[in-house]
């Protein structure tokens, strides 16, 4: 996993990221197998590529808040919002020249 300093977003920045995420489709689905190490590695890799992403909870819906916290902690990302059963997370790219989102 990438170890990065977790940034604190202002409410304005979070709202901007939420609006940018509106059109995105979920990249990762949390299903019957739950959240395992391989899924965390996949989320970490996708954050490096996309910075902003959605994760859909098809199962474990009653535990989505706890799983969202674990995902954010393990990947060094920020939880932007949980809408229904969809989690929106963001992690700034470690290389400033490769950042796709400027906030």
PDB file of N, CA and C in Angstrom:
ATOM      1  N   UNK A   1       0.836  -1.179   0.000  1.00  0.00           N
ATOM      2  CA  UNK A   1       0.000   0.000   0.000  1.00  0.00           C
ATOM      3  C   UNK A   1       0.881   1.242   0.000  1.00  0.00           C
ATOM      4  N   UNK A   2       0.368   2.277  -0.584  1.00  0.00           N
ATOM      5  CA  UNK A   2       1.108   3.531  -0.617  1.00  0.00           C
ATOM      6  C   UNK A   2       0.925   4.225   0.715  1.00  0.00           C
ATOM      7  N   UNK A   3       2.013   4.626   1.283  1.00  0.00           N
ATOM      8  CA  UNK A   3       1.953   5.369   2.530  1.00  0.00           C
ATOM      9  C   UNK A   3       2.032   6.844   2.184  1.00  0.00           C
ATOM     10  N   UNK A   4       0.957   7.540   2.437  1.00  0.00           N
ATOM     11  CA  UNK A   4       0.960   8.973   2.156  1.00  0.00           C
ATOM     12  C   UNK A   4       0.327   9.695   3.332  1.00  0.00           C
ATOM     13  N   UNK A   5       0.707  10.934   3.489  1.00  0.00           N
ATOM     14  CA  UNK A   5       0.124  11.734   4.546  1.00  0.00           C
ATOM     15  C   UNK A   5      -1.310  12.051   4.157  1.00  0.00           C
ATOM     16  N   UNK A   6      -2.216  11.731   5.039  1.00  0.00           N
ATOM     17  CA  UNK A   6      -3.621  11.970   4.768  1.00  0.00           C
ATOM     18  C   UNK A   6      -3.896  13.462   4.836  1.00  0.00           C
ATOM     19  N   UNK A   7      -4.497  13.974   3.789  1.00  0.00           N
ATOM     20  CA  UNK A   7      -4.810  15.394   3.768  1.00  0.00           C
ATOM     21  C   UNK A   7      -6.195  15.617   4.353  1.00  0.00           C
ATOM     22  N   UNK A   8      -6.399  16.777   4.908  1.00  0.00           N
ATOM     23  CA  UNK A   8      -7.707  17.142   5.426  1.00  0.00           C
ATOM     24  C   UNK A   8      -8.362  18.065   4.413  1.00  0.00           C
ATOM     25  N   UNK A   9      -9.523  17.657   3.961  1.00  0.00           N
ATOM     26  CA  UNK A   9     -10.244  18.431   2.953  1.00  0.00           C
ATOM     27  C   UNK A   9     -11.218  19.394   3.619  1.00  0.00           C
ATOM     28  N   UNK A  10     -11.353  20.563   3.022  1.00  0.00           N
ATOM     29  CA  UNK A  10     -12.381  21.492   3.475  1.00  0.00           C
ATOM     30  C   UNK A  10     -13.725  21.011   2.933  1.00  0.00           C
ATOM     31  N   UNK A  11     -14.805  21.528   3.464  1.00  0.00           N
ATOM     32  CA  UNK A  11     -16.123  21.126   2.971  1.00  0.00           C
ATOM     33  C   UNK A  11     -16.307  21.551   1.514  1.00  0.00           C
ATOM     34  N   UNK A  12     -15.711  22.672   1.133  1.00  0.00           N
ATOM     35  CA  UNK A  12     -15.800  23.128  -0.257  1.00  0.00           C
ATOM     36  C   UNK A  12     -15.067  22.158  -1.186  1.00  0.00           C
ATOM     37  N   UNK A  13     -13.884  21.706  -0.776  1.00  0.00           N
ATOM     38  CA  UNK A  13     -13.128  20.748  -1.579  1.00  0.00           C
ATOM     39  C   UNK A  13     -13.880  19.420  -1.682  1.00  0.00           C
ATOM     40  N   UNK A  14     -14.447  18.972  -0.575  1.00  0.00           N
ATOM     41  CA  UNK A  14     -15.203  17.720  -0.575  1.00  0.00           C
ATOM     42  C   UNK A  14     -16.412  17.824  -1.498  1.00  0.00           C
ATOM     43  N   UNK A  15     -17.079  18.954  -1.486  1.00  0.00           N
ATOM     44  CA  UNK A  15     -18.233  19.158  -2.360  1.00  0.00           C
ATOM     45  C   UNK A  15     -17.810  19.150  -3.825  1.00  0.00           C
ATOM     46  N   UNK A  16     -16.676  19.763  -4.124  1.00  0.00           N
ATOM     47  CA  UNK A  16     -16.164  19.769  -5.499  1.00  0.00           C
ATOM     48  C   UNK A  16     -15.841  18.346  -5.956  1.00  0.00           C
ATOM     49  N   UNK A  17     -15.202  17.567  -5.086  1.00  0.00           N
ATOM     50  CA  UNK A  17     -14.874  16.182  -5.423  1.00  0.00           C
ATOM     51  C   UNK A  17     -16.138  15.344  -5.590  1.00  0.00           C
ATOM     52  N   UNK A  18     -17.123  15.597  -4.757  1.00  0.00           N
ATOM     53  CA  UNK A  18     -18.395  14.881  -4.861  1.00  0.00           C
ATOM     54  C   UNK A  18     -19.059  15.161  -6.206  1.00  0.00           C
ATOM     55  N   UNK A  19     -19.003  16.406  -6.653  1.00  0.00           N
ATOM     56  CA  UNK A  19     -19.598  16.740  -7.951  1.00  0.00           C
ATOM     57  C   UNK A  19     -18.801  16.119  -9.097  1.00  0.00           C
ATOM     58  N   UNK A  20     -17.476  16.043  -8.956  1.00  0.00           N
ATOM     59  CA  UNK A  20     -16.653  15.388  -9.979  1.00  0.00           C
ATOM     60  C   UNK A  20     -16.938  13.887 -10.039  1.00  0.00           C
ATOM     61  N   UNK A  21     -17.287  13.301  -8.908  1.00  0.00           N
ATOM     62  CA  UNK A  21     -17.538  11.861  -8.846  1.00  0.00           C
ATOM     63  C   UNK A  21     -18.929  11.487  -9.348  1.00  0.00           C
ATOM     64  N   UNK A  22     -19.793  12.464  -9.511  1.00  0.00           N
ATOM     65  CA  UNK A  22     -21.186  12.191  -9.870  1.00  0.00           C
ATOM     66  C   UNK A  22     -21.303  11.294 -11.099  1.00  0.00           C
ATOM     67  N   UNK A  23     -20.530  11.548 -12.128  1.00  0.00           N
ATOM     68  CA  UNK A  23     -20.641  10.802 -13.385  1.00  0.00           C
ATOM     69  C   UNK A  23     -19.850   9.492 -13.393  1.00  0.00           C
ATOM     70  N   UNK A  24     -19.058   9.237 -12.360  1.00  0.00           N
ATOM     71  CA  UNK A  24     -18.217   8.041 -12.330  1.00  0.00           C
ATOM     72  C   UNK A  24     -19.026   6.784 -12.028  1.00  0.00           C
ATOM     73  N   UNK A  25     -18.604   5.689 -12.611  1.00  0.00           N
ATOM     74  CA  UNK A  25     -19.167   4.385 -12.278  1.00  0.00           C
ATOM     75  C   UNK A  25     -18.283   3.734 -11.220  1.00  0.00           C
ATOM     76  N   UNK A  26     -18.855   2.873 -10.385  1.00  0.00           N
ATOM     77  CA  UNK A  26     -18.027   2.184  -9.392  1.00  0.00           C
ATOM     78  C   UNK A  26     -16.942   1.344 -10.069  1.00  0.00           C
ATOM     79  N   UNK A  27     -15.735   1.427  -9.539  1.00  0.00           N
ATOM     80  CA  UNK A  27     -14.608   0.675 -10.087  1.00  0.00           C
ATOM     81  C   UNK A  27     -14.458  -0.654  -9.360  1.00  0.00           C
ATOM     82  N   UNK A  28     -14.773  -0.670  -8.076  1.00  0.00           N
ATOM     83  CA  UNK A  28     -14.632  -1.872  -7.251  1.00  0.00           C
ATOM     84  C   UNK A  28     -15.987  -2.204  -6.641  1.00  0.00           C
ATOM     85  N   UNK A  29     -16.313  -3.493  -6.642  1.00  0.00           N
ATOM     86  CA  UNK A  29     -17.541  -3.972  -6.021  1.00  0.00           C
ATOM     87  C   UNK A  29     -17.174  -4.836  -4.821  1.00  0.00           C
ATOM     88  N   UNK A  30     -17.794  -4.556  -3.678  1.00  0.00           N
ATOM     89  CA  UNK A  30     -17.603  -5.375  -2.486  1.00  0.00           C
ATOM     90  C   UNK A  30     -18.756  -6.368  -2.465  1.00  0.00           C
ATOM     91  N   UNK A  31     -18.443  -7.629  -2.724  1.00  0.00           N
ATOM     92  CA  UNK A  31     -19.467  -8.663  -2.829  1.00  0.00           C
ATOM     93  C   UNK A  31     -19.406  -9.664  -1.700  1.00  0.00           C
ATOM     94  N   UNK A  32     -19.797 -10.892  -2.015  1.00  0.00           N
ATOM     95  CA  UNK A  32     -19.896 -11.953  -1.010  1.00  0.00           C
ATOM     96  C   UNK A  32     -18.574 -12.251  -0.323  1.00  0.00           C
ATOM     97  N   UNK A  33     -17.465 -12.085  -1.036  1.00  0.00           N
ATOM     98  CA  UNK A  33     -16.157 -12.397  -0.434  1.00  0.00           C
ATOM     99  C   UNK A  33     -15.713 -11.323   0.554  1.00  0.00           C
ATOM    100  N   UNK A  34     -16.403 -10.198   0.584  1.00  0.00           N
ATOM    101  CA  UNK A  34     -16.062  -9.131   1.519  1.00  0.00           C
ATOM    102  C   UNK A  34     -14.839  -8.347   1.087  1.00  0.00           C
ATOM    103  N   UNK A  35     -14.218  -7.705   2.050  1.00  0.00           N
ATOM    104  CA  UNK A  35     -13.046  -6.870   1.786  1.00  0.00           C
ATOM    105  C   UNK A  35     -11.808  -7.634   2.233  1.00  0.00           C
ATOM    106  N   UNK A  36     -11.019  -8.106   1.265  1.00  0.00           N
ATOM    107  CA  UNK A  36      -9.806  -8.839   1.602  1.00  0.00           C
ATOM    108  C   UNK A  36      -8.577  -8.065   1.126  1.00  0.00           C
ATOM    109  N   UNK A  37      -7.421  -8.625   1.383  1.00  0.00           N
ATOM    110  CA  UNK A  37      -6.157  -7.952   1.056  1.00  0.00           C
ATOM    111  C   UNK A  37      -6.028  -7.668  -0.441  1.00  0.00           C
ATOM    112  N   UNK A  38      -6.476  -8.601  -1.279  1.00  0.00           N
ATOM    113  CA  UNK A  38      -6.357  -8.386  -2.728  1.00  0.00           C
ATOM    114  C   UNK A  38      -7.247  -7.231  -3.184  1.00  0.00           C
ATOM    115  N   UNK A  39      -8.422  -7.090  -2.570  1.00  0.00           N
ATOM    116  CA  UNK A  39      -9.281  -5.960  -2.932  1.00  0.00           C
ATOM    117  C   UNK A  39      -8.673  -4.646  -2.462  1.00  0.00           C
ATOM    118  N   UNK A  40      -8.063  -4.644  -1.279  1.00  0.00           N
ATOM    119  CA  UNK A  40      -7.404  -3.425  -0.793  1.00  0.00           C
ATOM    120  C   UNK A  40      -6.249  -3.032  -1.713  1.00  0.00           C
ATOM    121  N   UNK A  41      -5.498  -4.019  -2.193  1.00  0.00           N
ATOM    122  CA  UNK A  41      -4.408  -3.734  -3.133  1.00  0.00           C
ATOM    123  C   UNK A  41      -4.956  -3.180  -4.439  1.00  0.00           C
ATOM    124  N   UNK A  42      -6.081  -3.734  -4.899  1.00  0.00           N
ATOM    125  CA  UNK A  42      -6.714  -3.249  -6.120  1.00  0.00           C
ATOM    126  C   UNK A  42      -7.201  -1.806  -5.943  1.00  0.00           C
ATOM    127  N   UNK A  43      -7.818  -1.509  -4.812  1.00  0.00           N
ATOM    128  CA  UNK A  43      -8.284  -0.150  -4.528  1.00  0.00           C
ATOM    129  C   UNK A  43      -7.101   0.810  -4.498  1.00  0.00           C
ATOM    130  N   UNK A  44      -6.011   0.386  -3.853  1.00  0.00           N
ATOM    131  CA  UNK A  44      -4.806   1.204  -3.774  1.00  0.00           C
ATOM    132  C   UNK A  44      -4.270   1.517  -5.170  1.00  0.00           C
ATOM    133  N   UNK A  45      -4.225   0.504  -6.019  1.00  0.00           N
ATOM    134  CA  UNK A  45      -3.739   0.668  -7.396  1.00  0.00           C
ATOM    135  C   UNK A  45      -4.652   1.608  -8.194  1.00  0.00           C
ATOM    136  N   UNK A  46      -5.957   1.425  -8.045  1.00  0.00           N
ATOM    137  CA  UNK A  46      -6.910   2.269  -8.771  1.00  0.00           C
ATOM    138  C   UNK A  46      -6.848   3.716  -8.295  1.00  0.00           C
ATOM    139  N   UNK A  47      -6.627   3.937  -7.004  1.00  0.00           N
ATOM    140  CA  UNK A  47      -6.481   5.306  -6.493  1.00  0.00           C
ATOM    141  C   UNK A  47      -5.254   5.980  -7.082  1.00  0.00           C
ATOM    142  N   UNK A  48      -4.189   5.225  -7.265  1.00  0.00           N
ATOM    143  CA  UNK A  48      -2.979   5.780  -7.861  1.00  0.00           C
ATOM    144  C   UNK A  48      -3.254   6.228  -9.293  1.00  0.00           C
ATOM    145  N   UNK A  49      -4.092   5.476  -9.977  1.00  0.00           N
ATOM    146  CA  UNK A  49      -4.405   5.794 -11.371  1.00  0.00           C
ATOM    147  C   UNK A  49      -5.494   6.857 -11.501  1.00  0.00           C
ATOM    148  N   UNK A  50      -6.541   6.760 -10.680  1.00  0.00           N
ATOM    149  CA  UNK A  50      -7.713   7.634 -10.840  1.00  0.00           C
ATOM    150  C   UNK A  50      -7.811   8.776  -9.831  1.00  0.00           C
ATOM    151  N   UNK A  51      -7.261   8.633  -8.662  1.00  0.00           N
ATOM    152  CA  UNK A  51      -7.347   9.586  -7.549  1.00  0.00           C
ATOM    153  C   UNK A  51      -8.730   9.626  -6.896  1.00  0.00           C
ATOM    154  N   UNK A  52      -9.773   9.702  -7.690  1.00  0.00           N
ATOM    155  CA  UNK A  52     -11.149   9.781  -7.196  1.00  0.00           C
ATOM    156  C   UNK A  52     -11.896   8.570  -7.728  1.00  0.00           C
ATOM    157  N   UNK A  53     -12.568   7.839  -6.840  1.00  0.00           N
ATOM    158  CA  UNK A  53     -13.258   6.645  -7.314  1.00  0.00           C
ATOM    159  C   UNK A  53     -14.463   6.304  -6.450  1.00  0.00           C
ATOM    160  N   UNK A  54     -15.322   5.471  -7.032  1.00  0.00           N
ATOM    161  CA  UNK A  54     -16.489   4.960  -6.321  1.00  0.00           C
ATOM    162  C   UNK A  54     -16.307   3.468  -6.067  1.00  0.00           C
ATOM    163  N   UNK A  55     -16.794   3.043  -4.911  1.00  0.00           N
ATOM    164  CA  UNK A  55     -16.800   1.634  -4.538  1.00  0.00           C
ATOM    165  C   UNK A  55     -18.231   1.282  -4.158  1.00  0.00           C
ATOM    166  N   UNK A  56     -18.762   0.232  -4.758  1.00  0.00           N
ATOM    167  CA  UNK A  56     -20.155  -0.175  -4.524  1.00  0.00           C
ATOM    168  C   UNK A  56     -20.194  -1.366  -3.575  1.00  0.00           C
ATOM    169  N   UNK A  57     -21.052  -1.278  -2.570  1.00  0.00           N
ATOM    170  CA  UNK A  57     -21.266  -2.374  -1.633  1.00  0.00           C
ATOM    171  C   UNK A  57     -22.478  -3.177  -2.098  1.00  0.00           C
ATOM    172  N   UNK A  58     -22.234  -4.330  -2.744  1.00  0.00           N
ATOM    173  CA  UNK A  58     -23.331  -5.215  -3.132  1.00  0.00           C
ATOM    174  C   UNK A  58     -23.747  -6.090  -1.957  1.00  0.00           C
ATOM    175  N   UNK A  59     -22.802  -6.423  -1.108  1.00  0.00           N
ATOM    176  CA  UNK A  59     -23.046  -7.166   0.125  1.00  0.00           C
ATOM    177  C   UNK A  59     -22.401  -6.375   1.254  1.00  0.00           C
ATOM    178  N   UNK A  60     -22.586  -6.828   2.471  1.00  0.00           N
ATOM    179  CA  UNK A  60     -22.031  -6.155   3.652  1.00  0.00           C
ATOM    180  C   UNK A  60     -22.539  -4.713   3.773  1.00  0.00           C
ATOM    181  N   UNK A  61     -23.758  -4.486   3.316  1.00  0.00           N
ATOM    182  CA  UNK A  61     -24.320  -3.130   3.333  1.00  0.00           C
ATOM    183  C   UNK A  61     -24.471  -2.581   4.747  1.00  0.00           C
ATOM    184  N   UNK A  62     -24.760  -3.458   5.696  1.00  0.00           N
ATOM    185  CA  UNK A  62     -24.925  -2.994   7.076  1.00  0.00           C
ATOM    186  C   UNK A  62     -23.591  -2.616   7.714  1.00  0.00           C
ATOM    187  N   UNK A  63     -22.493  -3.032   7.100  1.00  0.00           N
ATOM    188  CA  UNK A  63     -21.160  -2.740   7.632  1.00  0.00           C
ATOM    189  C   UNK A  63     -20.402  -1.727   6.778  1.00  0.00           C
ATOM    190  N   UNK A  64     -21.098  -1.045   5.893  1.00  0.00           N
ATOM    191  CA  UNK A  64     -20.401  -0.180   4.932  1.00  0.00           C
ATOM    192  C   UNK A  64     -19.613   0.946   5.594  1.00  0.00           C
ATOM    193  N   UNK A  65     -20.112   1.508   6.698  1.00  0.00           N
ATOM    194  CA  UNK A  65     -19.373   2.588   7.364  1.00  0.00           C
ATOM    195  C   UNK A  65     -18.044   2.080   7.917  1.00  0.00           C
ATOM    196  N   UNK A  66     -18.079   0.903   8.562  1.00  0.00           N
ATOM    197  CA  UNK A  66     -16.852   0.320   9.111  1.00  0.00           C
ATOM    198  C   UNK A  66     -15.877  -0.055   7.999  1.00  0.00           C
ATOM    199  N   UNK A  67     -16.408  -0.646   6.926  1.00  0.00           N
ATOM    200  CA  UNK A  67     -15.550  -1.021   5.801  1.00  0.00           C
ATOM    201  C   UNK A  67     -14.971   0.213   5.114  1.00  0.00           C
ATOM    202  N   UNK A  68     -15.759   1.281   5.018  1.00  0.00           N
ATOM    203  CA  UNK A  68     -15.269   2.524   4.417  1.00  0.00           C
ATOM    204  C   UNK A  68     -14.103   3.079   5.221  1.00  0.00           C
ATOM    205  N   UNK A  69     -14.234   3.059   6.548  1.00  0.00           N
ATOM    206  CA  UNK A  69     -13.143   3.529   7.416  1.00  0.00           C
ATOM    207  C   UNK A  69     -11.890   2.685   7.225  1.00  0.00           C
ATOM    208  N   UNK A  70     -12.071   1.370   7.119  1.00  0.00           N
ATOM    209  CA  UNK A  70     -10.925   0.475   6.920  1.00  0.00           C
ATOM    210  C   UNK A  70     -10.256   0.752   5.578  1.00  0.00           C
ATOM    211  N   UNK A  71     -11.054   0.930   4.531  1.00  0.00           N
ATOM    212  CA  UNK A  71     -10.506   1.227   3.204  1.00  0.00           C
ATOM    213  C   UNK A  71      -9.705   2.521   3.251  1.00  0.00           C
ATOM    214  N   UNK A  72     -10.280   3.555   3.851  1.00  0.00           N
ATOM    215  CA  UNK A  72      -9.598   4.853   3.928  1.00  0.00           C
ATOM    216  C   UNK A  72      -8.299   4.741   4.718  1.00  0.00           C
ATOM    217  N   UNK A  73      -8.341   4.028   5.825  1.00  0.00           N
ATOM    218  CA  UNK A  73      -7.151   3.883   6.667  1.00  0.00           C
ATOM    219  C   UNK A  73      -6.057   3.091   5.956  1.00  0.00           C
ATOM    220  N   UNK A  74      -6.431   1.987   5.321  1.00  0.00           N
ATOM    221  CA  UNK A  74      -5.447   1.109   4.670  1.00  0.00           C
ATOM    222  C   UNK A  74      -4.849   1.731   3.410  1.00  0.00           C
ATOM    223  N   UNK A  75      -5.611   2.584   2.731  1.00  0.00           N
ATOM    224  CA  UNK A  75      -5.128   3.156   1.469  1.00  0.00           C
ATOM    225  C   UNK A  75      -4.656   4.599   1.606  1.00  0.00           C
ATOM    226  N   UNK A  76      -4.839   5.197   2.774  1.00  0.00           N
ATOM    227  CA  UNK A  76      -4.442   6.590   2.956  1.00  0.00           C
ATOM    228  C   UNK A  76      -5.328   7.555   2.191  1.00  0.00           C
ATOM    229  N   UNK A  77      -6.580   7.171   1.990  1.00  0.00           N
ATOM    230  CA  UNK A  77      -7.509   8.009   1.229  1.00  0.00           C
ATOM    231  C   UNK A  77      -8.483   8.721   2.161  1.00  0.00           C
ATOM    232  N   UNK A  78      -9.213   9.658   1.590  1.00  0.00           N
ATOM    233  CA  UNK A  78     -10.241  10.416   2.310  1.00  0.00           C
ATOM    234  C   UNK A  78     -11.612   9.931   1.870  1.00  0.00           C
ATOM    235  N   UNK A  79     -12.504   9.720   2.822  1.00  0.00           N
ATOM    236  CA  UNK A  79     -13.896   9.414   2.492  1.00  0.00           C
ATOM    237  C   UNK A  79     -14.567  10.732   2.131  1.00  0.00           C
ATOM    238  N   UNK A  80     -15.076  10.810   0.927  1.00  0.00           N
ATOM    239  CA  UNK A  80     -15.790  12.012   0.488  1.00  0.00           C
ATOM    240  C   UNK A  80     -17.254  11.909   0.898  1.00  0.00           C
ATOM    241  N   UNK A  81     -17.867  10.755   0.631  1.00  0.00           N
ATOM    242  CA  UNK A  81     -19.271  10.567   0.988  1.00  0.00           C
ATOM    243  C   UNK A  81     -19.641   9.099   0.819  1.00  0.00           C
ATOM    244  N   UNK A  82     -20.708   8.711   1.472  1.00  0.00           N
ATOM    245  CA  UNK A  82     -21.340   7.418   1.234  1.00  0.00           C
ATOM    246  C   UNK A  82     -22.772   7.740   0.845  1.00  0.00           C
ATOM    247  N   UNK A  83     -23.110   7.439  -0.388  1.00  0.00           N
ATOM    248  CA  UNK A  83     -24.451   7.712  -0.904  1.00  0.00           C
ATOM    249  C   UNK A  83     -25.103   6.367  -1.182  1.00  0.00           C
ATOM    250  N   UNK A  84     -26.148   6.056  -0.444  1.00  0.00           N
ATOM    251  CA  UNK A  84     -26.762   4.737  -0.575  1.00  0.00           C
ATOM    252  C   UNK A  84     -25.744   3.674  -0.199  1.00  0.00           C
ATOM    253  N   UNK A  85     -25.428   2.818  -1.142  1.00  0.00           N
ATOM    254  CA  UNK A  85     -24.439   1.767  -0.922  1.00  0.00           C
ATOM    255  C   UNK A  85     -23.167   2.018  -1.716  1.00  0.00           C
ATOM    256  N   UNK A  86     -22.906   3.272  -2.037  1.00  0.00           N
ATOM    257  CA  UNK A  86     -21.733   3.638  -2.825  1.00  0.00           C
ATOM    258  C   UNK A  86     -20.838   4.578  -2.035  1.00  0.00           C
ATOM    259  N   UNK A  87     -19.579   4.204  -1.949  1.00  0.00           N
ATOM    260  CA  UNK A  87     -18.556   4.983  -1.255  1.00  0.00           C
ATOM    261  C   UNK A  87     -17.766   5.791  -2.279  1.00  0.00           C
ATOM    262  N   UNK A  88     -17.530   7.066  -1.989  1.00  0.00           N
ATOM    263  CA  UNK A  88     -16.669   7.909  -2.819  1.00  0.00           C
ATOM    264  C   UNK A  88     -15.426   8.220  -2.000  1.00  0.00           C
ATOM    265  N   UNK A  89     -14.249   7.872  -2.561  1.00  0.00           N
ATOM    266  CA  UNK A  89     -12.988   8.154  -1.870  1.00  0.00           C
ATOM    267  C   UNK A  89     -12.039   8.899  -2.799  1.00  0.00           C
ATOM    268  N   UNK A  90     -11.095   9.602  -2.174  1.00  0.00           N
ATOM    269  CA  UNK A  90     -10.120  10.403  -2.917  1.00  0.00           C
ATOM    270  C   UNK A  90      -8.757  10.280  -2.253  1.00  0.00           C
ATOM    271  N   UNK A  91      -7.735  10.175  -3.083  1.00  0.00           N
ATOM    272  CA  UNK A  91      -6.360  10.269  -2.601  1.00  0.00           C
ATOM    273  C   UNK A  91      -5.549  10.999  -3.663  1.00  0.00           C
ATOM    274  N   UNK A  92      -4.933  12.085  -3.249  1.00  0.00           N
ATOM    275  CA  UNK A  92      -4.100  12.887  -4.136  1.00  0.00           C
ATOM    276  C   UNK A  92      -2.917  12.048  -4.615  1.00  0.00           C
ATOM    277  N   UNK A  93      -2.579  12.169  -5.893  1.00  0.00           N
ATOM    278  CA  UNK A  93      -1.438  11.433  -6.441  1.00  0.00           C
ATOM    279  C   UNK A  93      -0.168  11.930  -5.759  1.00  0.00           C
ATOM    280  N   UNK A  94       0.735  11.020  -5.387  1.00  0.00           N
ATOM    281  CA  UNK A  94       1.954  11.445  -4.683  1.00  0.00           C
ATOM    282  C   UNK A  94       2.888  12.308  -5.530  1.00  0.00           C
ATOM    283  N   UNK A  95       2.801  12.177  -6.852  1.00  0.00           N
ATOM    284  CA  UNK A  95       3.637  12.972  -7.751  1.00  0.00           C
ATOM    285  C   UNK A  95       2.827  14.178  -8.244  1.00  0.00           C
ATOM    286  N   UNK A  96       3.197  15.399  -7.845  1.00  0.00           N
ATOM    287  CA  UNK A  96       2.421  16.583  -8.251  1.00  0.00           C
ATOM    288  C   UNK A  96       2.261  16.726  -9.764  1.00  0.00           C
ATOM    289  N   UNK A  97       3.223  16.244 -10.536  1.00  0.00           N
ATOM    290  CA  UNK A  97       3.142  16.371 -11.995  1.00  0.00           C
ATOM    291  C   UNK A  97       2.118  15.425 -12.605  1.00  0.00           C
ATOM    292  N   UNK A  98       1.732  14.382 -11.877  1.00  0.00           N
ATOM    293  CA  UNK A  98       0.795  13.397 -12.414  1.00  0.00           C
ATOM    294  C   UNK A  98      -0.609  13.545 -11.842  1.00  0.00           C
ATOM    295  N   UNK A  99      -0.850  14.575 -11.068  1.00  0.00           N
ATOM    296  CA  UNK A  99      -2.180  14.779 -10.482  1.00  0.00           C
ATOM    297  C   UNK A  99      -3.177  15.153 -11.569  1.00  0.00           C
ATOM    298  N   UNK A 100      -4.299  14.463 -11.550  1.00  0.00           N
ATOM    299  CA  UNK A 100      -5.364  14.724 -12.516  1.00  0.00           C
ATOM    300  C   UNK A 100      -6.375  15.722 -11.972  1.00  0.00           C
ATOM    301  N   UNK A 101      -6.478  15.787 -10.656  1.00  0.00           N
ATOM    302  CA  UNK A 101      -7.469  16.648 -10.011  1.00  0.00           C
ATOM    303  C   UNK A 101      -6.733  17.703  -9.201  1.00  0.00           C
ATOM    304  N   UNK A 102      -7.031  18.946  -9.475  1.00  0.00           N
ATOM    305  CA  UNK A 102      -6.439  20.061  -8.736  1.00  0.00           C
ATOM    306  C   UNK A 102      -7.504  20.658  -7.830  1.00  0.00           C
ATOM    307  N   UNK A 103      -7.292  20.532  -6.537  1.00  0.00           N
ATOM    308  CA  UNK A 103      -8.265  21.118  -5.600  1.00  0.00           C
ATOM    309  C   UNK A 103      -7.558  22.047  -4.642  1.00  0.00           C
TER     310      UNK A 103
END
